[in-house]
Every structure is written in C-alpha cells, then in structure tokens.
C-alpha cells in the first residue's frame, strides 16, 4: 500500500526551468501566462530579493514558482536556504497539499461510475473496475458487510482494459435502465451470466469510458481493481489489486 502518488512530496523530483520573455510593464504578466498554461497559484510565499514566490500545482503535481519582479524570468522548482533546508517542501505541505487532494477527489467524482451502497454512507471509495476482472468480483463480494451495513459507498469507475470486449460490456451495463442493479446482478451471478458487449457504442458513452480509462492511466494505475480512498486524516491513499486486509481501507 502506498500514499497516492500525486502527494508523494518528498519524491516529486521537480525540474528547474528558466524562461525568458519580453520585458513588460504589465503587473503579473508572467503569472497570467503560467495560469493560461494550466498552473494553479495557491498561496504567495517568502522569496529571495528580486523574486515573488508562489506555491501551487499543475496537473495535480505540486511545485513552487518564483517570478522575477522585472517580469523577465521565472523559476519552477525547489528553493533551499543557506542551511540546506528545503523551503519548497515546507510551502507545499503547508499551502498546496489540501488543494491538490481536493482536485484529485474532484476529478474522480467527474468520472462515470456506478454507485454501490447508500448515498449517505460515511465513507466513499472509488474503484476502477473491469467486468472481466476476477479480483474486482472478489473485492465486491468481500466488501458486502461494509456496504450492507451502510458504512461504505463504492463508486465503481467502469473501464475496459482487460479484454477486447471489456469496453463494450461496460457500455452495456452503463446503458441499461438501472446500471446499479445490472452491476449488482452480474456480481451476484458469480460469473455465470455473461454480459453481451455493445457492438456499436454511442459516441457520448464511448467518450465517458475513454475518460475513465484516461483518468486511470493519469494516476498511474495499470491493473484492476485500483482502489482510491481517504484515510482517517483525510489523506488520499490508493492500492492496486485485491487487498489483503479490507479493514485498512474500509473501516
């Protein structure tokens, strides 16, 4: 089990880049330029003379940015003081970690998933699921006590990564009149009822499934089930494959 890779702050390995631009009198021109490129500024931080420091993130990877006051240069990367203390890591932990966690969780919410459990369950767990994954089925079965008690709600993010027809089968479930019930009955059948794969998937549904797969890849998952949850501290954790101890995730 490992902390979610996007918040492994000690091993980010941020590269340092130096960029030049035409001198301008416009206040914050470089900041605006970086925002257009997708950088999210979270909090202004202390910086050496001649620089304006910011903590923030891009594509959910935390970093710090230092912009020269003359608007000619910016630096993305770590800042150390004379005592070799990494001020970047401290700024990220203080100001950015929570914002990145919220962004990650929001991106999972925006995938296409099947609800499994009560809406008001205290704990929500996201699971990247392929209908042809036997470990996904085992996980579904072993998790019933937590779901049936109302303590945990699973959100199964449907992907088609194991077999050629996996995407079509996922589409069949999602396009049914009651996807939650269709998914439940599929799991209750212990693999005896095969799902017919949709031969021609509507573009809108295909796009949703593609987005699910892209999100799975984005976070470095390559196998199902891929499980994402928040621990007691509100930190995001993840695991791939069938967990050995469900209590660690679900309690």
Protein backbone atom coordinates (compact mmCIF):
# COMPACT_ATOMS: atom_id res chain seq x y z
CA UNK A 1 0.00 0.00 0.00
CA UNK A 2 1.29 3.46 -0.81
CA UNK A 3 0.31 7.08 -0.50
CA UNK A 4 -1.30 8.46 -3.60
CA UNK A 5 1.50 9.32 -5.97
CA UNK A 6 0.39 12.90 -6.56
CA UNK A 7 1.15 13.81 -2.95
CA UNK A 8 4.43 11.97 -2.57
CA UNK A 9 6.03 15.32 -1.96
CA UNK A 10 9.43 14.08 -0.95
CA UNK A 11 9.97 12.37 -4.28
CA UNK A 12 8.49 14.81 -6.74
CA UNK A 13 11.83 15.39 -8.45
CA UNK A 14 10.68 18.74 -9.78
CA UNK A 15 12.75 20.01 -12.64
CA UNK A 16 14.02 23.57 -12.66
CA UNK A 17 13.39 25.64 -15.73
CA UNK A 18 14.40 29.16 -16.63
CA UNK A 19 12.38 31.05 -19.20
CA UNK A 20 12.83 34.49 -20.70
CA UNK A 21 10.13 36.77 -22.00
CA UNK A 22 9.90 40.26 -23.39
CA UNK A 23 10.02 42.97 -20.74
CA UNK A 24 6.61 44.34 -19.93
CA UNK A 25 5.18 46.89 -17.54
CA UNK A 26 2.04 44.87 -17.05
CA UNK A 27 1.81 43.70 -13.43
CA UNK A 28 1.77 39.92 -13.08
CA UNK A 29 2.18 39.21 -16.78
CA UNK A 30 4.21 36.04 -16.18
CA UNK A 31 1.75 34.85 -13.56
CA UNK A 32 -1.08 35.27 -16.05
CA UNK A 33 0.94 33.45 -18.68
CA UNK A 34 1.51 30.49 -16.36
CA UNK A 35 -2.17 30.42 -15.41
CA UNK A 36 -3.09 30.13 -19.10
CA UNK A 37 -0.71 27.17 -19.29
CA UNK A 38 -2.64 25.44 -16.53
CA UNK A 39 -0.70 26.39 -13.41
CA UNK A 40 -2.87 26.93 -10.32
CA UNK A 41 -1.49 29.52 -7.89
CA UNK A 42 -2.48 28.76 -4.28
CA UNK A 43 -0.51 30.96 -1.89
CA UNK A 44 2.17 33.64 -2.13
CA UNK A 45 5.25 32.64 -0.14
CA UNK A 46 8.51 34.23 1.01
CA UNK A 47 11.13 34.57 -1.71
CA UNK A 48 14.68 35.87 -2.13
CA UNK A 49 15.26 39.52 -3.02
CA UNK A 50 14.09 40.33 -6.53
CA UNK A 51 11.65 37.39 -6.74
CA UNK A 52 7.98 36.84 -5.96
CA UNK A 53 7.28 33.33 -4.67
CA UNK A 54 4.16 31.21 -5.09
CA UNK A 55 3.13 27.71 -4.13
CA UNK A 56 0.73 25.91 -6.43
CA UNK A 57 0.26 22.98 -8.77
CA UNK A 58 -0.19 21.94 -12.37
CA UNK A 59 -1.94 18.73 -13.42
CA UNK A 60 -2.16 17.94 -9.69
CA UNK A 61 1.62 17.99 -9.25
CA UNK A 62 2.63 20.46 -6.51
CA UNK A 63 5.51 22.88 -7.01
CA UNK A 64 6.72 26.39 -6.25
CA UNK A 65 7.23 29.20 -8.75
CA UNK A 66 9.49 32.22 -8.33
CA UNK A 67 8.87 35.15 -10.69
CA UNK A 68 11.37 37.96 -11.12
CA UNK A 69 9.97 41.36 -10.21
CA UNK A 70 11.09 42.77 -13.53
CA UNK A 71 8.88 40.17 -15.25
CA UNK A 72 11.77 38.80 -17.32
CA UNK A 73 12.19 35.36 -15.78
CA UNK A 74 10.53 32.66 -13.73
CA UNK A 75 11.87 29.55 -11.99
CA UNK A 76 9.88 26.41 -11.23
CA UNK A 77 11.47 24.15 -8.64
CA UNK A 78 12.97 23.71 -5.20
CA UNK A 79 14.33 26.55 -3.07
CA UNK A 80 16.92 25.91 -0.35
CA UNK A 81 18.22 28.30 2.28
CA UNK A 82 21.84 28.66 3.43
CA UNK A 83 21.33 25.84 5.94
CA UNK A 84 20.27 23.47 3.14
CA UNK A 85 16.66 23.48 4.29
CA UNK A 86 14.16 22.75 1.51
CA UNK A 87 11.69 25.63 1.74
CA UNK A 88 9.72 24.31 -1.24
CA UNK A 89 8.63 21.15 0.54
CA UNK A 90 7.55 23.13 3.58
CA UNK A 91 5.49 25.55 1.46
CA UNK A 92 3.84 22.72 -0.45
CA UNK A 93 2.94 20.82 2.70
CA UNK A 94 1.54 23.96 4.29
CA UNK A 95 -0.38 25.51 1.41
CA UNK A 96 -0.82 23.12 -1.53
CA UNK A 97 -1.40 19.63 -0.21
CA UNK A 98 -5.06 20.20 0.67
CA UNK A 99 -5.81 21.91 -2.64
CA UNK A 100 -4.26 19.05 -4.62
CA UNK A 101 -6.16 16.45 -2.62
CA UNK A 102 -9.40 18.28 -3.31
CA UNK A 103 -8.59 18.45 -7.03
CA UNK A 104 -7.81 14.73 -7.19
CA UNK A 105 -11.03 13.83 -5.42
CA UNK A 106 -12.99 16.15 -7.69
CA UNK A 107 -11.51 14.53 -10.79
CA UNK A 108 -12.66 11.12 -9.54
CA UNK A 109 -16.15 12.50 -8.91
CA UNK A 110 -16.28 13.64 -12.53
CA UNK A 111 -15.72 10.15 -13.95
CA UNK A 112 -18.61 7.85 -14.90
CA UNK A 113 -19.24 5.44 -12.05
CA UNK A 114 -21.82 3.04 -10.63
CA UNK A 115 -22.97 3.64 -7.08
CA UNK A 116 -22.80 0.65 -4.74
CA UNK A 117 -24.06 1.49 -1.27
CA UNK A 118 -26.10 4.14 0.50
CA UNK A 119 -25.86 7.76 -0.64
CA UNK A 120 -25.26 8.96 2.90
CA UNK A 121 -22.54 6.42 3.74
CA UNK A 122 -19.79 7.90 5.88
CA UNK A 123 -17.02 6.62 3.64
CA UNK A 124 -16.69 6.78 -0.14
CA UNK A 125 -14.29 4.51 -2.00
CA UNK A 126 -13.55 4.75 -5.73
CA UNK A 127 -12.73 1.53 -7.59
CA UNK A 128 -11.55 1.29 -11.19
CA UNK A 129 -13.42 -1.84 -12.29
CA UNK A 130 -13.36 -4.11 -15.34
CA UNK A 131 -16.20 -6.63 -15.67
CA UNK A 132 -13.66 -9.27 -16.76
CA UNK A 133 -11.53 -8.79 -13.65
CA UNK A 134 -11.95 -11.74 -11.23
CA UNK A 135 -10.27 -9.76 -8.44
CA UNK A 136 -12.82 -6.96 -8.88
CA UNK A 137 -15.55 -9.55 -8.39
CA UNK A 138 -13.84 -10.98 -5.29
CA UNK A 139 -13.41 -7.48 -3.86
CA UNK A 140 -17.11 -6.76 -4.48
CA UNK A 141 -18.11 -9.93 -2.62
CA UNK A 142 -15.81 -9.48 0.37
CA UNK A 143 -16.87 -5.86 0.80
CA UNK A 144 -20.58 -6.70 1.25
CA UNK A 145 -20.57 -6.40 5.08
CA UNK A 146 -19.40 -2.78 4.88
CA UNK A 147 -21.81 -1.91 2.07
CA UNK A 148 -24.82 -3.71 3.57
CA UNK A 149 -24.26 -2.02 6.93
CA UNK A 150 -24.45 1.39 5.25
CA UNK A 151 -20.93 2.36 6.33
CA UNK A 152 -19.30 2.43 2.88
CA UNK A 153 -20.38 3.55 -0.57
CA UNK A 154 -18.36 2.25 -3.51
CA UNK A 155 -18.20 4.15 -6.76
CA UNK A 156 -17.16 1.73 -9.45
CA UNK A 157 -15.42 3.63 -12.25
CA UNK A 158 -16.04 1.37 -15.22
CA UNK A 159 -13.11 0.73 -17.57
CA UNK A 160 -12.41 -1.72 -20.38
CA UNK A 161 -8.77 -2.69 -20.08
CA UNK A 162 -8.57 -6.49 -19.73
CA UNK A 163 -10.21 -7.89 -22.84
CA UNK A 164 -11.11 -6.52 -26.23
CA UNK A 165 -14.82 -6.71 -25.39
CA UNK A 166 -14.47 -5.22 -21.88
CA UNK A 167 -15.37 -1.72 -23.04
CA UNK A 168 -18.46 -2.99 -24.86
CA UNK A 169 -19.57 -4.91 -21.78
CA UNK A 170 -19.07 -1.87 -19.57
CA UNK A 171 -21.13 0.13 -22.06
CA UNK A 172 -23.95 -2.44 -21.86
CA UNK A 173 -24.15 -2.08 -18.08
CA UNK A 174 -23.97 1.72 -18.12
CA UNK A 175 -26.62 1.96 -20.85
CA UNK A 176 -29.07 -0.29 -19.03
CA UNK A 177 -32.22 1.16 -17.45
CA UNK A 178 -30.75 0.55 -13.99
CA UNK A 179 -26.94 0.31 -14.08
CA UNK A 180 -26.68 -0.20 -10.30
CA UNK A 181 -29.00 -3.20 -10.38
CA UNK A 182 -27.42 -4.62 -13.54
CA UNK A 183 -23.97 -4.43 -11.96
CA UNK A 184 -25.27 -6.00 -8.74
CA UNK A 185 -26.92 -8.90 -10.53
CA UNK A 186 -23.79 -9.50 -12.58
CA UNK A 187 -21.72 -9.86 -9.41
CA UNK A 188 -24.34 -11.96 -7.61
CA UNK A 189 -24.31 -14.44 -10.51
CA UNK A 190 -20.68 -15.36 -9.72
CA UNK A 191 -19.68 -15.05 -13.34
CA UNK A 192 -22.39 -17.39 -14.64
CA UNK A 193 -24.22 -14.65 -16.54
CA UNK A 194 -22.08 -13.21 -19.30
CA UNK A 195 -22.72 -9.63 -20.33
CA UNK A 196 -23.19 -9.09 -24.03
CA UNK A 197 -20.83 -6.42 -25.25
CA UNK A 198 -22.32 -3.48 -27.10
CA UNK A 199 -21.26 -3.73 -30.73
CA UNK A 200 -21.73 -0.06 -31.55
CA UNK A 201 -21.19 2.21 -28.57
CA UNK A 202 -22.77 5.69 -28.85
CA UNK A 203 -20.11 8.38 -29.07
CA UNK A 204 -21.15 10.08 -25.83
CA UNK A 205 -20.89 6.84 -23.87
CA UNK A 206 -17.63 5.91 -25.57
CA UNK A 207 -16.19 9.29 -24.58
CA UNK A 208 -17.16 8.68 -20.94
CA UNK A 209 -15.47 5.29 -20.91
CA UNK A 210 -12.39 6.75 -22.58
CA UNK A 211 -12.27 9.46 -19.91
CA UNK A 212 -12.43 6.79 -17.21
CA UNK A 213 -9.51 4.94 -18.81
CA UNK A 214 -7.52 8.17 -19.19
CA UNK A 215 -8.09 9.02 -15.52
CA UNK A 216 -6.91 5.57 -14.51
CA UNK A 217 -3.76 5.99 -16.57
CA UNK A 218 -3.24 9.54 -15.33
CA UNK A 219 -2.89 8.32 -11.77
CA UNK A 220 -0.51 5.54 -12.71
CA UNK A 221 -2.86 2.58 -12.35
CA UNK A 222 -2.30 -0.36 -14.69
CA UNK A 223 -4.40 -3.11 -13.07
CA UNK A 224 -7.88 -3.59 -11.61
CA UNK A 225 -9.24 -3.22 -9.08
CA UNK A 226 -7.48 0.09 -8.48
CA UNK A 227 -8.83 1.50 -5.24
CA UNK A 228 -8.73 5.10 -4.00
CA UNK A 229 -9.96 6.26 -0.60
CA UNK A 230 -9.41 8.83 2.15
CA UNK A 231 -7.86 7.72 5.41
CA UNK A 232 -8.78 8.99 8.87
CA UNK A 233 -6.57 12.06 8.35
CA UNK A 234 -8.34 12.95 5.11
CA UNK A 235 -5.31 11.98 3.02
CA UNK A 236 -5.81 10.09 -0.21
CA UNK A 237 -4.42 6.59 -0.40
CA UNK A 238 -4.53 4.03 -3.18
CA UNK A 239 -3.89 0.39 -3.89
CA UNK A 240 -3.95 -1.88 -6.92
CA UNK A 241 -5.14 -5.46 -6.84
CA UNK A 242 -7.14 -7.41 -4.27
CA UNK A 243 -6.39 -6.01 -0.78
CA UNK A 244 -5.12 -8.46 1.83
CA UNK A 245 -6.86 -6.61 4.65
CA UNK A 246 -10.09 -4.78 3.82
CA UNK A 247 -10.26 -3.28 7.31
CA UNK A 248 -7.35 -0.97 6.45
CA UNK A 249 -9.37 0.57 3.62
CA UNK A 250 -12.98 0.27 4.73
CA UNK A 251 -13.00 0.85 8.49
